[in-house]
Amino acid sequence: MGTRITEHPILGEPKKGKLVHFTYDGQKLQGYEGEPIAVALKAAGIMIHRYTKKEHTPRGIFCAIGRCTDCVMVVDGVPNVRTCVTPLKEGMKIQTQYGVSAEPFENQK
């Protein structure tokens, strides 16, 4: 498990949920139940969440408060899920988003 904030100057010590398992692009990972999906991915060293439809450029966490769409991913088959504000749950299937799909651009028709 990667590095996480252990004490915040304003919020204090974060309360961790139980350790859960999830997949990211088929890779088995762990995180804490209830933490934002983006936090679990960042702790695992994953910085790219999606690729833009037009330019195919990578995007990841930007605002981290659910206002932009840079962190959207396909979660349990649903595209455009804002991972910075969506709580992690046991068994989630999280996939990199390519445009509005979990299929890499070269596989899209």
PDB file of N, CA and C in Angstrom:
ATOM      1  N   MET A   1       0.858  -1.170   0.000  1.00  0.00           N
ATOM      2  CA  MET A   1       0.000   0.000   0.000  1.00  0.00           C
ATOM      3  C   MET A   1       0.903   1.231   0.000  1.00  0.00           C
ATOM      4  N   GLY A   2       0.499   2.212  -0.782  1.00  0.00           N
ATOM      5  CA  GLY A   2       1.293   3.419  -0.914  1.00  0.00           C
ATOM      6  C   GLY A   2       1.098   4.392   0.234  1.00  0.00           C
ATOM      7  N   THR A   3       1.718   5.545   0.061  1.00  0.00           N
ATOM      8  CA  THR A   3       1.694   6.576   1.082  1.00  0.00           C
ATOM      9  C   THR A   3       0.359   7.308   1.092  1.00  0.00           C
ATOM     10  N   ARG A   4      -0.129   7.557   2.278  1.00  0.00           N
ATOM     11  CA  ARG A   4      -1.358   8.326   2.486  1.00  0.00           C
ATOM     12  C   ARG A   4      -1.089   9.365   3.566  1.00  0.00           C
ATOM     13  N   ILE A   5      -1.902  10.390   3.629  1.00  0.00           N
ATOM     14  CA  ILE A   5      -1.794  11.391   4.681  1.00  0.00           C
ATOM     15  C   ILE A   5      -2.165  10.727   6.004  1.00  0.00           C
ATOM     16  N   THR A   6      -1.326  10.875   7.007  1.00  0.00           N
ATOM     17  CA  THR A   6      -1.616  10.282   8.313  1.00  0.00           C
ATOM     18  C   THR A   6      -2.234  11.300   9.268  1.00  0.00           C
ATOM     19  N   GLU A   7      -1.974  12.584   9.039  1.00  0.00           N
ATOM     20  CA  GLU A   7      -2.595  13.622   9.852  1.00  0.00           C
ATOM     21  C   GLU A   7      -2.696  14.899   9.030  1.00  0.00           C
ATOM     22  N   HIS A   8      -3.874  15.484   8.998  1.00  0.00           N
ATOM     23  CA  HIS A   8      -4.141  16.707   8.249  1.00  0.00           C
ATOM     24  C   HIS A   8      -4.215  17.865   9.247  1.00  0.00           C
ATOM     25  N   PRO A   9      -3.626  19.029   8.926  1.00  0.00           N
ATOM     26  CA  PRO A   9      -3.608  20.131   9.897  1.00  0.00           C
ATOM     27  C   PRO A   9      -4.993  20.662  10.278  1.00  0.00           C
ATOM     28  N   ILE A  10      -5.976  20.480   9.435  1.00  0.00           N
ATOM     29  CA  ILE A  10      -7.325  20.962   9.736  1.00  0.00           C
ATOM     30  C   ILE A  10      -8.272  19.808  10.041  1.00  0.00           C
ATOM     31  N   LEU A  11      -8.209  18.744   9.245  1.00  0.00           N
ATOM     32  CA  LEU A  11      -9.145  17.628   9.382  1.00  0.00           C
ATOM     33  C   LEU A  11      -8.731  16.600  10.431  1.00  0.00           C
ATOM     34  N   GLY A  12      -7.483  16.688  10.897  1.00  0.00           N
ATOM     35  CA  GLY A  12      -7.004  15.737  11.895  1.00  0.00           C
ATOM     36  C   GLY A  12      -6.589  14.413  11.285  1.00  0.00           C
ATOM     37  N   GLU A  13      -6.714  13.350  12.059  1.00  0.00           N
ATOM     38  CA  GLU A  13      -6.323  12.015  11.609  1.00  0.00           C
ATOM     39  C   GLU A  13      -7.474  11.373  10.848  1.00  0.00           C
ATOM     40  N   PRO A  14      -7.234  10.957   9.590  1.00  0.00           N
ATOM     41  CA  PRO A  14      -8.320  10.342   8.822  1.00  0.00           C
ATOM     42  C   PRO A  14      -8.732   8.993   9.401  1.00  0.00           C
ATOM     43  N   LYS A  15     -10.009   8.707   9.333  1.00  0.00           N
ATOM     44  CA  LYS A  15     -10.539   7.411   9.768  1.00  0.00           C
ATOM     45  C   LYS A  15     -10.500   6.470   8.568  1.00  0.00           C
ATOM     46  N   LYS A  16      -9.817   5.352   8.709  1.00  0.00           N
ATOM     47  CA  LYS A  16      -9.716   4.385   7.629  1.00  0.00           C
ATOM     48  C   LYS A  16     -10.806   3.336   7.753  1.00  0.00           C
ATOM     49  N   GLY A  17     -11.386   2.997   6.616  1.00  0.00           N
ATOM     50  CA  GLY A  17     -12.310   1.878   6.570  1.00  0.00           C
ATOM     51  C   GLY A  17     -11.521   0.585   6.526  1.00  0.00           C
ATOM     52  N   LYS A  18     -12.218  -0.524   6.371  1.00  0.00           N
ATOM     53  CA  LYS A  18     -11.521  -1.812   6.286  1.00  0.00           C
ATOM     54  C   LYS A  18     -10.809  -1.930   4.945  1.00  0.00           C
ATOM     55  N   LEU A  19      -9.775  -2.734   4.914  1.00  0.00           N
ATOM     56  CA  LEU A  19      -9.026  -2.973   3.695  1.00  0.00           C
ATOM     57  C   LEU A  19      -9.888  -3.776   2.729  1.00  0.00           C
ATOM     58  N   VAL A  20     -10.026  -3.297   1.494  1.00  0.00           N
ATOM     59  CA  VAL A  20     -10.834  -3.985   0.492  1.00  0.00           C
ATOM     60  C   VAL A  20     -10.011  -4.220  -0.770  1.00  0.00           C
ATOM     61  N   HIS A  21     -10.492  -5.124  -1.609  1.00  0.00           N
ATOM     62  CA  HIS A  21      -9.839  -5.446  -2.875  1.00  0.00           C
ATOM     63  C   HIS A  21     -10.683  -4.897  -4.021  1.00  0.00           C
ATOM     64  N   PHE A  22     -10.002  -4.439  -5.069  1.00  0.00           N
ATOM     65  CA  PHE A  22     -10.662  -3.969  -6.280  1.00  0.00           C
ATOM     66  C   PHE A  22      -9.731  -4.225  -7.447  1.00  0.00           C
ATOM     67  N   THR A  23     -10.257  -4.094  -8.668  1.00  0.00           N
ATOM     68  CA  THR A  23      -9.376  -4.248  -9.828  1.00  0.00           C
ATOM     69  C   THR A  23      -9.284  -2.934 -10.581  1.00  0.00           C
ATOM     70  N   TYR A  24      -8.110  -2.703 -11.124  1.00  0.00           N
ATOM     71  CA  TYR A  24      -7.842  -1.552 -11.990  1.00  0.00           C
ATOM     72  C   TYR A  24      -7.259  -2.122 -13.277  1.00  0.00           C
ATOM     73  N   ASP A  25      -8.019  -1.997 -14.356  1.00  0.00           N
ATOM     74  CA  ASP A  25      -7.604  -2.547 -15.657  1.00  0.00           C
ATOM     75  C   ASP A  25      -7.130  -3.996 -15.520  1.00  0.00           C
ATOM     76  N   GLY A  26      -7.850  -4.772 -14.721  1.00  0.00           N
ATOM     77  CA  GLY A  26      -7.557  -6.182 -14.540  1.00  0.00           C
ATOM     78  C   GLY A  26      -6.524  -6.488 -13.472  1.00  0.00           C
ATOM     79  N   GLN A  27      -5.850  -5.471 -12.968  1.00  0.00           N
ATOM     80  CA  GLN A  27      -4.824  -5.648 -11.931  1.00  0.00           C
ATOM     81  C   GLN A  27      -5.491  -5.609 -10.554  1.00  0.00           C
ATOM     82  N   LYS A  28      -5.186  -6.582  -9.699  1.00  0.00           N
ATOM     83  CA  LYS A  28      -5.768  -6.620  -8.358  1.00  0.00           C
ATOM     84  C   LYS A  28      -5.028  -5.644  -7.448  1.00  0.00           C
ATOM     85  N   LEU A  29      -5.809  -4.764  -6.799  1.00  0.00           N
ATOM     86  CA  LEU A  29      -5.250  -3.766  -5.886  1.00  0.00           C
ATOM     87  C   LEU A  29      -6.037  -3.749  -4.591  1.00  0.00           C
ATOM     88  N   GLN A  30      -5.520  -3.018  -3.610  1.00  0.00           N
ATOM     89  CA  GLN A  30      -6.200  -2.857  -2.330  1.00  0.00           C
ATOM     90  C   GLN A  30      -6.308  -1.377  -1.989  1.00  0.00           C
ATOM     91  N   GLY A  31      -7.332  -1.059  -1.240  1.00  0.00           N
ATOM     92  CA  GLY A  31      -7.522   0.286  -0.733  1.00  0.00           C
ATOM     93  C   GLY A  31      -8.404   0.202   0.490  1.00  0.00           C
ATOM     94  N   TYR A  32      -8.767   1.358   1.029  1.00  0.00           N
ATOM     95  CA  TYR A  32      -9.603   1.384   2.219  1.00  0.00           C
ATOM     96  C   TYR A  32     -11.030   1.755   1.852  1.00  0.00           C
ATOM     97  N   GLU A  33     -11.954   0.946   2.314  1.00  0.00           N
ATOM     98  CA  GLU A  33     -13.364   1.169   2.042  1.00  0.00           C
ATOM     99  C   GLU A  33     -13.756   2.590   2.441  1.00  0.00           C
ATOM    100  N   GLY A  34     -14.454   3.267   1.524  1.00  0.00           N
ATOM    101  CA  GLY A  34     -14.941   4.607   1.798  1.00  0.00           C
ATOM    102  C   GLY A  34     -14.020   5.724   1.350  1.00  0.00           C
ATOM    103  N   GLU A  35     -12.738   5.430   1.140  1.00  0.00           N
ATOM    104  CA  GLU A  35     -11.862   6.488   0.642  1.00  0.00           C
ATOM    105  C   GLU A  35     -12.188   6.702  -0.840  1.00  0.00           C
ATOM    106  N   PRO A  36     -11.956   7.911  -1.370  1.00  0.00           N
ATOM    107  CA  PRO A  36     -12.216   8.119  -2.792  1.00  0.00           C
ATOM    108  C   PRO A  36     -11.391   7.149  -3.651  1.00  0.00           C
ATOM    109  N   ILE A  37     -11.994   6.665  -4.717  1.00  0.00           N
ATOM    110  CA  ILE A  37     -11.288   5.768  -5.641  1.00  0.00           C
ATOM    111  C   ILE A  37      -9.961   6.383  -6.059  1.00  0.00           C
ATOM    112  N   ALA A  38      -9.962   7.675  -6.349  1.00  0.00           N
ATOM    113  CA  ALA A  38      -8.744   8.363  -6.803  1.00  0.00           C
ATOM    114  C   ALA A  38      -7.629   8.269  -5.769  1.00  0.00           C
ATOM    115  N   VAL A  39      -7.956   8.285  -4.498  1.00  0.00           N
ATOM    116  CA  VAL A  39      -6.951   8.180  -3.436  1.00  0.00           C
ATOM    117  C   VAL A  39      -6.310   6.797  -3.460  1.00  0.00           C
ATOM    118  N   ALA A  40      -7.122   5.761  -3.577  1.00  0.00           N
ATOM    119  CA  ALA A  40      -6.595   4.397  -3.633  1.00  0.00           C
ATOM    120  C   ALA A  40      -5.693   4.216  -4.852  1.00  0.00           C
ATOM    121  N   LEU A  41      -6.095   4.789  -5.985  1.00  0.00           N
ATOM    122  CA  LEU A  41      -5.272   4.684  -7.192  1.00  0.00           C
ATOM    123  C   LEU A  41      -3.959   5.451  -7.034  1.00  0.00           C
ATOM    124  N   LYS A  42      -4.030   6.650  -6.485  1.00  0.00           N
ATOM    125  CA  LYS A  42      -2.821   7.460  -6.268  1.00  0.00           C
ATOM    126  C   LYS A  42      -1.860   6.730  -5.348  1.00  0.00           C
ATOM    127  N   ALA A  43      -2.389   6.131  -4.271  1.00  0.00           N
ATOM    128  CA  ALA A  43      -1.545   5.384  -3.335  1.00  0.00           C
ATOM    129  C   ALA A  43      -0.874   4.200  -4.018  1.00  0.00           C
ATOM    130  N   ALA A  44      -1.504   3.665  -5.071  1.00  0.00           N
ATOM    131  CA  ALA A  44      -0.932   2.546  -5.834  1.00  0.00           C
ATOM    132  C   ALA A  44      -0.014   3.031  -6.957  1.00  0.00           C
ATOM    133  N   GLY A  45       0.166   4.356  -7.061  1.00  0.00           N
ATOM    134  CA  GLY A  45       1.066   4.918  -8.078  1.00  0.00           C
ATOM    135  C   GLY A  45       0.404   5.164  -9.418  1.00  0.00           C
ATOM    136  N   ILE A  46      -0.914   5.088  -9.477  1.00  0.00           N
ATOM    137  CA  ILE A  46      -1.639   5.280 -10.739  1.00  0.00           C
ATOM    138  C   ILE A  46      -2.063   6.731 -10.851  1.00  0.00           C
ATOM    139  N   MET A  47      -1.568   7.388 -11.881  1.00  0.00           N
ATOM    140  CA  MET A  47      -1.820   8.816 -12.050  1.00  0.00           C
ATOM    141  C   MET A  47      -2.750   9.128 -13.223  1.00  0.00           C
ATOM    142  N   ILE A  48      -2.825   8.234 -14.210  1.00  0.00           N
ATOM    143  CA  ILE A  48      -3.651   8.482 -15.395  1.00  0.00           C
ATOM    144  C   ILE A  48      -4.991   7.778 -15.220  1.00  0.00           C
ATOM    145  N   HIS A  49      -6.063   8.552 -15.324  1.00  0.00           N
ATOM    146  CA  HIS A  49      -7.407   8.014 -15.163  1.00  0.00           C
ATOM    147  C   HIS A  49      -8.138   7.877 -16.495  1.00  0.00           C
ATOM    148  N   ARG A  50      -7.840   8.773 -17.401  1.00  0.00           N
ATOM    149  CA  ARG A  50      -8.536   8.740 -18.691  1.00  0.00           C
ATOM    150  C   ARG A  50      -7.660   9.365 -19.767  1.00  0.00           C
ATOM    151  N   TYR A  51      -8.091   9.161 -21.026  1.00  0.00           N
ATOM    152  CA  TYR A  51      -7.479   9.803 -22.186  1.00  0.00           C
ATOM    153  C   TYR A  51      -8.584  10.544 -22.920  1.00  0.00           C
ATOM    154  N   THR A  52      -8.311  11.781 -23.326  1.00  0.00           N
ATOM    155  CA  THR A  52      -9.346  12.590 -23.973  1.00  0.00           C
ATOM    156  C   THR A  52      -9.717  12.026 -25.332  1.00  0.00           C
ATOM    157  N   LYS A  53     -10.969  12.246 -25.708  1.00  0.00           N
ATOM    158  CA  LYS A  53     -11.494  11.707 -26.962  1.00  0.00           C
ATOM    159  C   LYS A  53     -10.809  12.318 -28.181  1.00  0.00           C
ATOM    160  N   LYS A  54     -10.651  13.635 -28.189  1.00  0.00           N
ATOM    161  CA  LYS A  54     -10.134  14.336 -29.365  1.00  0.00           C
ATOM    162  C   LYS A  54      -8.621  14.178 -29.546  1.00  0.00           C
ATOM    163  N   GLU A  55      -7.854  14.469 -28.530  1.00  0.00           N
ATOM    164  CA  GLU A  55      -6.386  14.488 -28.653  1.00  0.00           C
ATOM    165  C   GLU A  55      -5.707  13.241 -28.085  1.00  0.00           C
ATOM    166  N   HIS A  56      -6.472  12.397 -27.368  1.00  0.00           N
ATOM    167  CA  HIS A  56      -5.940  11.195 -26.724  1.00  0.00           C
ATOM    168  C   HIS A  56      -4.867  11.531 -25.684  1.00  0.00           C
ATOM    169  N   THR A  57      -5.015  12.676 -25.027  1.00  0.00           N
ATOM    170  CA  THR A  57      -4.045  13.086 -24.013  1.00  0.00           C
ATOM    171  C   THR A  57      -4.477  12.578 -22.633  1.00  0.00           C
ATOM    172  N   PRO A  58      -3.500  12.237 -21.794  1.00  0.00           N
ATOM    173  CA  PRO A  58      -3.833  11.688 -20.473  1.00  0.00           C
ATOM    174  C   PRO A  58      -4.336  12.752 -19.509  1.00  0.00           C
ATOM    175  N   ARG A  59      -5.221  12.321 -18.614  1.00  0.00           N
ATOM    176  CA  ARG A  59      -5.743  13.184 -17.559  1.00  0.00           C
ATOM    177  C   ARG A  59      -5.775  12.381 -16.264  1.00  0.00           C
ATOM    178  N   GLY A  60      -5.722  13.088 -15.145  1.00  0.00           N
ATOM    179  CA  GLY A  60      -5.781  12.466 -13.826  1.00  0.00           C
ATOM    180  C   GLY A  60      -6.450  13.418 -12.861  1.00  0.00           C
ATOM    181  N   ILE A  61      -6.074  13.345 -11.600  1.00  0.00           N
ATOM    182  CA  ILE A  61      -6.682  14.210 -10.592  1.00  0.00           C
ATOM    183  C   ILE A  61      -6.307  15.663 -10.890  1.00  0.00           C
ATOM    184  N   PHE A  62      -7.309  16.538 -10.901  1.00  0.00           N
ATOM    185  CA  PHE A  62      -7.055  17.961 -11.108  1.00  0.00           C
ATOM    186  C   PHE A  62      -7.652  18.757  -9.959  1.00  0.00           C
ATOM    187  N   CYS A  63      -8.966  18.818  -9.874  1.00  0.00           N
ATOM    188  CA  CYS A  63      -9.578  19.641  -8.821  1.00  0.00           C
ATOM    189  C   CYS A  63      -9.762  18.860  -7.522  1.00  0.00           C
ATOM    190  N   ALA A  64      -9.998  17.562  -7.625  1.00  0.00           N
ATOM    191  CA  ALA A  64     -10.190  16.672  -6.475  1.00  0.00           C
ATOM    192  C   ALA A  64     -11.397  17.018  -5.611  1.00  0.00           C
ATOM    193  N   ILE A  65     -12.363  17.775  -6.164  1.00  0.00           N
ATOM    194  CA  ILE A  65     -13.593  18.077  -5.415  1.00  0.00           C
ATOM    195  C   ILE A  65     -14.847  17.807  -6.241  1.00  0.00           C
ATOM    196  N   GLY A  66     -14.695  17.105  -7.366  1.00  0.00           N
ATOM    197  CA  GLY A  66     -15.852  16.699  -8.154  1.00  0.00           C
ATOM    198  C   GLY A  66     -16.396  17.736  -9.113  1.00  0.00           C
ATOM    199  N   ARG A  67     -15.660  18.815  -9.367  1.00  0.00           N
ATOM    200  CA  ARG A  67     -16.158  19.878 -10.242  1.00  0.00           C
ATOM    201  C   ARG A  67     -15.730  19.717 -11.700  1.00  0.00           C
ATOM    202  N   CYS A  68     -14.553  19.171 -11.920  1.00  0.00           N
ATOM    203  CA  CYS A  68     -14.094  18.979 -13.301  1.00  0.00           C
ATOM    204  C   CYS A  68     -14.342  17.520 -13.692  1.00  0.00           C
ATOM    205  N   THR A  69     -13.859  17.116 -14.843  1.00  0.00           N
ATOM    206  CA  THR A  69     -14.045  15.723 -15.268  1.00  0.00           C
ATOM    207  C   THR A  69     -12.716  15.031 -15.568  1.00  0.00           C
ATOM    208  N   ASP A  70     -11.615  15.585 -15.091  1.00  0.00           N
ATOM    209  CA  ASP A  70     -10.328  14.979 -15.413  1.00  0.00           C
ATOM    210  C   ASP A  70     -10.130  13.603 -14.794  1.00  0.00           C
ATOM    211  N   CYS A  71     -10.773  13.311 -13.677  1.00  0.00           N
ATOM    212  CA  CYS A  71     -10.551  12.026 -12.996  1.00  0.00           C
ATOM    213  C   CYS A  71     -11.585  10.964 -13.355  1.00  0.00           C
ATOM    214  N   VAL A  72     -12.451  11.233 -14.338  1.00  0.00           N
ATOM    215  CA  VAL A  72     -13.498  10.249 -14.631  1.00  0.00           C
ATOM    216  C   VAL A  72     -12.915   8.951 -15.171  1.00  0.00           C
ATOM    217  N   MET A  73     -13.562   7.862 -14.779  1.00  0.00           N
ATOM    218  CA  MET A  73     -13.157   6.526 -15.210  1.00  0.00           C
ATOM    219  C   MET A  73     -14.415   5.681 -15.374  1.00  0.00           C
ATOM    220  N   VAL A  74     -14.224   4.491 -15.928  1.00  0.00           N
ATOM    221  CA  VAL A  74     -15.321   3.534 -16.033  1.00  0.00           C
ATOM    222  C   VAL A  74     -15.293   2.703 -14.752  1.00  0.00           C
ATOM    223  N   VAL A  75     -16.381   2.778 -13.980  1.00  0.00           N
ATOM    224  CA  VAL A  75     -16.463   2.070 -12.705  1.00  0.00           C
ATOM    225  C   VAL A  75     -17.650   1.111 -12.754  1.00  0.00           C
ATOM    226  N   ASP A  76     -17.358  -0.158 -12.602  1.00  0.00           N
ATOM    227  CA  ASP A  76     -18.381  -1.205 -12.676  1.00  0.00           C
ATOM    228  C   ASP A  76     -19.221  -1.074 -13.946  1.00  0.00           C
ATOM    229  N   GLY A  77     -18.539  -0.773 -15.056  1.00  0.00           N
ATOM    230  CA  GLY A  77     -19.188  -0.691 -16.360  1.00  0.00           C
ATOM    231  C   GLY A  77     -19.835   0.644 -16.680  1.00  0.00           C
ATOM    232  N   VAL A  78     -19.803   1.589 -15.753  1.00  0.00           N
ATOM    233  CA  VAL A  78     -20.430   2.900 -15.957  1.00  0.00           C
ATOM    234  C   VAL A  78     -19.350   3.930 -16.257  1.00  0.00           C
ATOM    235  N   PRO A  79     -19.401   4.570 -17.454  1.00  0.00           N
ATOM    236  CA  PRO A  79     -18.395   5.587 -17.772  1.00  0.00           C
ATOM    237  C   PRO A  79     -18.678   6.905 -17.053  1.00  0.00           C
ATOM    238  N   ASN A  80     -17.684   7.782 -17.049  1.00  0.00           N
ATOM    239  CA  ASN A  80     -17.789   9.152 -16.538  1.00  0.00           C
ATOM    240  C   ASN A  80     -18.037   9.249 -15.034  1.00  0.00           C
ATOM    241  N   VAL A  81     -17.512   8.300 -14.272  1.00  0.00           N
ATOM    242  CA  VAL A  81     -17.635   8.351 -12.816  1.00  0.00           C
ATOM    243  C   VAL A  81     -16.488   9.203 -12.274  1.00  0.00           C
ATOM    244  N   ARG A  82     -16.824  10.223 -11.513  1.00  0.00           N
ATOM    245  CA  ARG A  82     -15.813  11.098 -10.905  1.00  0.00           C
ATOM    246  C   ARG A  82     -15.180  10.357  -9.729  1.00  0.00           C
ATOM    247  N   THR A  83     -13.958   9.885  -9.937  1.00  0.00           N
ATOM    248  CA  THR A  83     -13.312   9.033  -8.945  1.00  0.00           C
ATOM    249  C   THR A  83     -12.823   9.796  -7.718  1.00  0.00           C
ATOM    250  N   CYS A  84     -12.713  11.115  -7.812  1.00  0.00           N
ATOM    251  CA  CYS A  84     -12.239  11.884  -6.661  1.00  0.00           C
ATOM    252  C   CYS A  84     -13.296  12.009  -5.574  1.00  0.00           C
ATOM    253  N   VAL A  85     -14.559  11.759  -5.902  1.00  0.00           N
ATOM    254  CA  VAL A  85     -15.634  11.875  -4.911  1.00  0.00           C
ATOM    255  C   VAL A  85     -16.458  10.589  -4.782  1.00  0.00           C
ATOM    256  N   THR A  86     -16.049   9.527  -5.457  1.00  0.00           N
ATOM    257  CA  THR A  86     -16.780   8.253  -5.390  1.00  0.00           C
ATOM    258  C   THR A  86     -16.072   7.321  -4.420  1.00  0.00           C
ATOM    259  N   PRO A  87     -16.777   6.876  -3.356  1.00  0.00           N
ATOM    260  CA  PRO A  87     -16.153   6.006  -2.358  1.00  0.00           C
ATOM    261  C   PRO A  87     -15.811   4.622  -2.908  1.00  0.00           C
ATOM    262  N   LEU A  88     -14.671   4.125  -2.494  1.00  0.00           N
ATOM    263  CA  LEU A  88     -14.223   2.782  -2.865  1.00  0.00           C
ATOM    264  C   LEU A  88     -15.020   1.734  -2.105  1.00  0.00           C
ATOM    265  N   LYS A  89     -15.396   0.669  -2.822  1.00  0.00           N
ATOM    266  CA  LYS A  89     -16.114  -0.453  -2.216  1.00  0.00           C
ATOM    267  C   LYS A  89     -15.430  -1.751  -2.624  1.00  0.00           C
ATOM    268  N   GLU A  90     -15.640  -2.767  -1.826  1.00  0.00           N
ATOM    269  CA  GLU A  90     -15.094  -4.103  -2.108  1.00  0.00           C
ATOM    270  C   GLU A  90     -15.529  -4.573  -3.490  1.00  0.00           C
ATOM    271  N   GLY A  91     -14.566  -5.086  -4.274  1.00  0.00           N
ATOM    272  CA  GLY A  91     -14.859  -5.722  -5.547  1.00  0.00           C
ATOM    273  C   GLY A  91     -15.100  -4.795  -6.727  1.00  0.00           C
ATOM    274  N   MET A  92     -14.914  -3.505  -6.556  1.00  0.00           N
ATOM    275  CA  MET A  92     -15.152  -2.585  -7.686  1.00  0.00           C
ATOM    276  C   MET A  92     -14.231  -2.931  -8.857  1.00  0.00           C
ATOM    277  N   LYS A  93     -14.770  -2.745 -10.061  1.00  0.00           N
ATOM    278  CA  LYS A  93     -14.007  -2.933 -11.296  1.00  0.00           C
ATOM    279  C   LYS A  93     -13.796  -1.540 -11.879  1.00  0.00           C
ATOM    280  N   ILE A  94     -12.562  -1.058 -11.817  1.00  0.00           N
ATOM    281  CA  ILE A  94     -12.224   0.294 -12.252  1.00  0.00           C
ATOM    282  C   ILE A  94     -11.356   0.183 -13.497  1.00  0.00           C
ATOM    283  N   GLN A  95     -11.733   0.958 -14.531  1.00  0.00           N
ATOM    284  CA  GLN A  95     -11.009   0.888 -15.797  1.00  0.00           C
ATOM    285  C   GLN A  95     -10.654   2.285 -16.299  1.00  0.00           C
ATOM    286  N   THR A  96      -9.503   2.373 -16.935  1.00  0.00           N
ATOM    287  CA  THR A  96      -9.115   3.605 -17.600  1.00  0.00           C
ATOM    288  C   THR A  96     -10.170   3.933 -18.640  1.00  0.00           C
ATOM    289  N   GLN A  97     -10.480   5.203 -18.778  1.00  0.00           N
ATOM    290  CA  GLN A  97     -11.493   5.629 -19.747  1.00  0.00           C
ATOM    291  C   GLN A  97     -10.804   6.229 -20.970  1.00  0.00           C
ATOM    292  N   TYR A  98     -11.242   5.780 -22.148  1.00  0.00           N
ATOM    293  CA  TYR A  98     -10.718   6.259 -23.435  1.00  0.00           C
ATOM    294  C   TYR A  98     -11.867   6.952 -24.145  1.00  0.00           C
ATOM    295  N   GLY A  99     -11.881   8.282 -24.137  1.00  0.00           N
ATOM    296  CA  GLY A  99     -13.051   9.000 -24.642  1.00  0.00           C
ATOM    297  C   GLY A  99     -14.184   8.760 -23.664  1.00  0.00           C
ATOM    298  N   VAL A 100     -15.164   7.948 -24.050  1.00  0.00           N
ATOM    299  CA  VAL A 100     -16.258   7.590 -23.138  1.00  0.00           C
ATOM    300  C   VAL A 100     -16.375   6.069 -22.980  1.00  0.00           C
ATOM    301  N   SER A 101     -15.268   5.372 -23.236  1.00  0.00           N
ATOM    302  CA  SER A 101     -15.283   3.907 -23.243  1.00  0.00           C
ATOM    303  C   SER A 101     -14.113   3.342 -22.432  1.00  0.00           C
ATOM    304  N   ALA A 102     -14.238   2.086 -22.049  1.00  0.00           N
ATOM    305  CA  ALA A 102     -13.130   1.390 -21.412  1.00  0.00           C
ATOM    306  C   ALA A 102     -12.244   0.691 -22.449  1.00  0.00           C
ATOM    307  N   GLU A 103     -12.659   0.751 -23.706  1.00  0.00           N
ATOM    308  CA  GLU A 103     -11.880   0.148 -24.786  1.00  0.00           C
ATOM    309  C   GLU A 103     -10.823   1.126 -25.274  1.00  0.00           C
ATOM    310  N   PRO A 104      -9.563   0.698 -25.322  1.00  0.00           N
ATOM    311  CA  PRO A 104      -8.514   1.581 -25.879  1.00  0.00           C
ATOM    312  C   PRO A 104      -8.884   2.030 -27.296  1.00  0.00           C
ATOM    313  N   PHE A 105      -8.422   3.213 -27.668  1.00  0.00           N
ATOM    314  CA  PHE A 105      -8.797   3.809 -28.947  1.00  0.00           C
ATOM    315  C   PHE A 105      -8.550   2.878 -30.128  1.00  0.00           C
ATOM    316  N   GLU A 106      -7.443   2.126 -30.101  1.00  0.00           N
ATOM    317  CA  GLU A 106      -7.137   1.244 -31.237  1.00  0.00           C
ATOM    318  C   GLU A 106      -8.150   0.113 -31.379  1.00  0.00           C
ATOM    319  N   ASN A 107      -8.914  -0.192 -30.318  1.00  0.00           N
ATOM    320  CA  ASN A 107      -9.929  -1.224 -30.390  1.00  0.00           C
ATOM    321  C   ASN A 107     -11.322  -0.677 -30.690  1.00  0.00           C
ATOM    322  N   GLN A 108     -11.452   0.652 -30.659  1.00  0.00           N
ATOM    323  CA  GLN A 108     -12.761   1.270 -30.923  1.00  0.00           C
ATOM    324  C   GLN A 108     -12.980   1.393 -32.429  1.00  0.00           C
ATOM    325  N   LYS A 109     -14.240   1.267 -32.833  1.00  0.00           N
ATOM    326  CA  LYS A 109     -14.559   1.366 -34.265  1.00  0.00           C
ATOM    327  C   LYS A 109     -15.107   2.722 -34.574  1.00  0.00           C
TER     328      LYS A 109
END
